[in-house]
Every structure is written in C-alpha cells, then in structure tokens.
C-alpha cells in the first residue's frame, strides 16, 4: 500500500482564506450516501498541484514517509496540523478522510522559498516548478498564500 498526498492551496483575501483549487459539482455524488463520493471535487487539471507520489517530497514537506528517503531527514517544518482558519472546502476534505488522513500541515510561500532543497537533488523540482510560480502569480504576499496538505495510506 502506498502513501498519497492531498494538497490544496489557499490565499488570504480580505482577512479570510479562500481556496485556490477549482471545485466542481461531482456528478457521482448522491445525497445521504455517508461513504460515497464527495459533493464537490477537484478535477486533476484544476488542482493547484497536479503531482502524485513522491516520497522525497513527502519527506521534505513534513517528514512523512521519511524512512523511504533517509534516517534523519531535513524537513521544511514539523507537521503543524490543519489551520483553524482554513477554508471550508479543505476542512470538509480533512473530515472526509478522518483517521485515514495523517501528518496534516500547512506551509506558506516563504517556508517553501527559504528551505534548502539541495539535499533532495532534483527529486522535488516538479513540485517546486509548479507550486511556487503559481503562488507568486497570485500576487499575494508570501504570508498570504499557503499550501495545506495531509497524507493517507
């Protein structure tokens, strides 16, 4: 069984965090189906980060799956949990995964930009070359845009 990342992006606008992922109505959703599909989903092409399994990245972001990479990983930040002020869409995703979700955290643009990624070589470049430019393109300050994520396995 593998480990997957669930990564979302938010921007603070007028003091409130808003999702940067594009949610659409899920055609497979059935109201009242407790264990079914979510009412809203993010299609792959509408995700802020479109990458998949990258255990080196998981290790760098929060030490998840670090045994796959090294014994004493350098990580951007220890897991911080889900921010209390996250947008409703992210809170619903976290709730939907319940105890299957783990290593919940968030990182601001400045966290990602100020981390020394050299220990990971080029293994995280796909993430860095996709996410940081998108964060910059929002026009938000480095502490007004963040990624929120967790893992499941």
Protein backbone atom coordinates (compact mmCIF):
# COMPACT_ATOMS: atom_id res chain seq x y z
CA UNK A 1 0.00 0.00 0.00
CA UNK A 2 1.34 3.42 -0.90
CA UNK A 3 1.05 6.86 0.59
CA UNK A 4 -0.69 9.71 -1.24
CA UNK A 5 -0.69 13.45 -0.67
CA UNK A 6 -3.81 15.60 -0.58
CA UNK A 7 -2.54 19.10 -1.21
CA UNK A 8 -4.60 22.27 -1.51
CA UNK A 9 -3.78 25.94 -1.81
CA UNK A 10 -5.33 28.96 -0.17
CA UNK A 11 -4.97 32.70 -0.43
CA UNK A 12 -5.91 35.18 2.26
CA UNK A 13 -8.26 37.76 0.77
CA UNK A 14 -9.75 40.48 2.96
CA UNK A 15 -8.67 38.55 6.05
CA UNK A 16 -10.31 35.26 5.02
CA UNK A 17 -8.65 32.20 3.47
CA UNK A 18 -10.10 31.18 0.07
CA UNK A 19 -9.38 28.04 -1.92
CA UNK A 20 -7.16 28.36 -4.99
CA UNK A 21 -8.24 24.94 -6.22
CA UNK A 22 -11.21 24.85 -8.57
CA UNK A 23 -14.07 22.78 -7.18
CA UNK A 24 -16.87 21.47 -9.40
CA UNK A 25 -20.05 19.55 -8.65
CA UNK A 26 -19.34 15.81 -8.54
CA UNK A 27 -21.74 14.01 -10.87
CA UNK A 28 -21.32 10.78 -8.87
CA UNK A 29 -22.45 12.41 -5.62
CA UNK A 30 -25.56 11.01 -4.00
CA UNK A 31 -27.04 12.91 -1.07
CA UNK A 32 -27.29 10.81 2.04
CA UNK A 33 -24.62 8.34 0.88
CA UNK A 34 -22.47 8.54 4.00
CA UNK A 35 -19.47 6.73 2.49
CA UNK A 36 -19.89 7.75 -1.11
CA UNK A 37 -18.39 10.39 -3.30
CA UNK A 38 -17.93 13.98 -2.10
CA UNK A 39 -20.44 16.57 -3.29
CA UNK A 40 -17.68 18.69 -4.82
CA UNK A 41 -14.41 17.56 -6.33
CA UNK A 42 -11.27 18.98 -7.86
CA UNK A 43 -10.50 17.54 -11.26
CA UNK A 44 -6.83 16.77 -11.87
CA UNK A 45 -6.45 19.65 -14.30
CA UNK A 46 -7.95 22.07 -11.75
CA UNK A 47 -5.65 21.15 -8.86
CA UNK A 48 -3.13 23.67 -7.64
CA UNK A 49 -0.58 20.84 -7.56
CA UNK A 50 -1.03 18.03 -10.04
CA UNK A 51 1.80 15.74 -8.93
CA UNK A 52 1.45 12.30 -7.50
CA UNK A 53 3.50 10.09 -5.21
CA UNK A 54 6.92 11.48 -4.49
CA UNK A 55 8.22 10.16 -1.20
CA UNK A 56 11.18 12.53 -1.26
CA UNK A 57 8.74 15.43 -1.47
CA UNK A 58 6.58 13.96 1.31
CA UNK A 59 9.69 13.69 3.45
CA UNK A 60 10.76 17.27 2.71
CA UNK A 61 7.34 18.80 3.40
CA UNK A 62 6.64 17.15 6.75
CA UNK A 63 8.80 14.09 7.35
CA UNK A 64 6.10 11.75 6.02
CA UNK A 65 7.49 8.50 4.66
CA UNK A 66 10.95 9.66 5.71
CA UNK A 67 12.08 6.07 6.17
CA UNK A 68 11.94 5.81 2.39
CA UNK A 69 14.49 8.59 1.98
CA UNK A 70 16.84 8.92 4.91
CA UNK A 71 17.15 8.34 8.64
CA UNK A 72 17.37 11.99 9.67
CA UNK A 73 15.52 13.97 7.03
CA UNK A 74 15.72 17.71 6.70
CA UNK A 75 12.16 18.95 6.53
CA UNK A 76 10.62 22.32 5.75
CA UNK A 77 8.69 22.28 9.03
CA UNK A 78 7.39 19.77 11.54
CA UNK A 79 3.71 18.99 10.90
CA UNK A 80 1.56 21.91 12.06
CA UNK A 81 -1.91 20.45 11.74
CA UNK A 82 -4.70 21.98 9.67
CA UNK A 83 -5.08 25.71 10.30
CA UNK A 84 -8.20 26.58 12.25
CA UNK A 85 -8.92 29.36 9.76
CA UNK A 86 -8.72 27.15 6.64
CA UNK A 87 -11.43 27.48 4.03
CA UNK A 88 -14.49 25.27 4.35
CA UNK A 89 -13.56 23.10 1.33
CA UNK A 90 -10.32 21.98 2.96
CA UNK A 91 -11.98 21.32 6.30
CA UNK A 92 -14.50 19.09 4.54
CA UNK A 93 -11.72 17.12 2.80
CA UNK A 94 -9.94 16.60 6.11
CA UNK A 95 -13.18 15.47 7.75
CA UNK A 96 -13.94 13.12 4.87
CA UNK A 97 -10.64 11.29 5.34
CA UNK A 98 -10.99 11.19 9.11
CA UNK A 99 -8.44 8.95 10.78
CA UNK A 100 -7.15 7.72 7.41
CA UNK A 101 -5.54 11.14 6.98
CA UNK A 102 -2.28 11.81 8.79
CA UNK A 103 0.61 14.24 9.09
CA UNK A 104 -1.62 17.27 8.50
CA UNK A 105 0.25 20.50 7.90
CA UNK A 106 0.50 23.78 6.03
CA UNK A 107 3.33 25.88 4.63
CA UNK A 108 3.47 29.46 3.48
CA UNK A 109 5.23 30.53 0.32
CA UNK A 110 8.13 31.87 2.39
CA UNK A 111 8.57 28.44 4.02
CA UNK A 112 9.00 26.82 0.62
CA UNK A 113 11.22 29.57 -0.80
CA UNK A 114 13.55 29.70 2.22
CA UNK A 115 14.11 25.95 2.59
CA UNK A 116 17.39 24.49 1.33
CA UNK A 117 16.17 21.89 -1.14
CA UNK A 118 19.68 20.81 -2.23
CA UNK A 119 19.68 17.65 -0.09
CA UNK A 120 16.84 16.36 -2.24
CA UNK A 121 18.65 16.95 -5.51
CA UNK A 122 16.23 17.36 -8.38
CA UNK A 123 13.66 14.95 -6.93
CA UNK A 124 11.31 17.76 -5.83
CA UNK A 125 11.75 20.03 -8.86
CA UNK A 126 8.38 19.15 -10.41
CA UNK A 127 6.67 20.34 -7.24
CA UNK A 128 8.81 23.45 -6.86
CA UNK A 129 8.49 24.47 -10.51
CA UNK A 130 4.72 24.10 -10.41
CA UNK A 131 3.71 25.34 -6.97
CA UNK A 132 5.98 28.30 -6.21
CA UNK A 133 5.33 30.08 -9.54
CA UNK A 134 1.59 29.62 -9.02
CA UNK A 135 1.89 31.04 -5.52
CA UNK A 136 3.80 34.05 -6.85
CA UNK A 137 1.30 34.51 -9.70
CA UNK A 138 -1.50 35.11 -7.18
CA UNK A 139 0.10 38.48 -6.44
CA UNK A 140 -0.34 37.77 -2.73
CA UNK A 141 2.42 38.43 -0.23
CA UNK A 142 4.48 35.43 0.85
CA UNK A 143 2.45 35.02 4.03
CA UNK A 144 -0.94 35.41 2.33
CA UNK A 145 -0.68 32.26 0.24
CA UNK A 146 -0.14 28.75 1.57
CA UNK A 147 -0.48 25.08 0.85
CA UNK A 148 -2.44 22.85 3.20
CA UNK A 149 -1.89 19.12 2.99
CA UNK A 150 -2.14 15.71 4.56
CA UNK A 151 -1.33 12.15 3.61
CA UNK A 152 -3.20 8.85 3.56
CA UNK A 153 -2.15 5.25 3.13
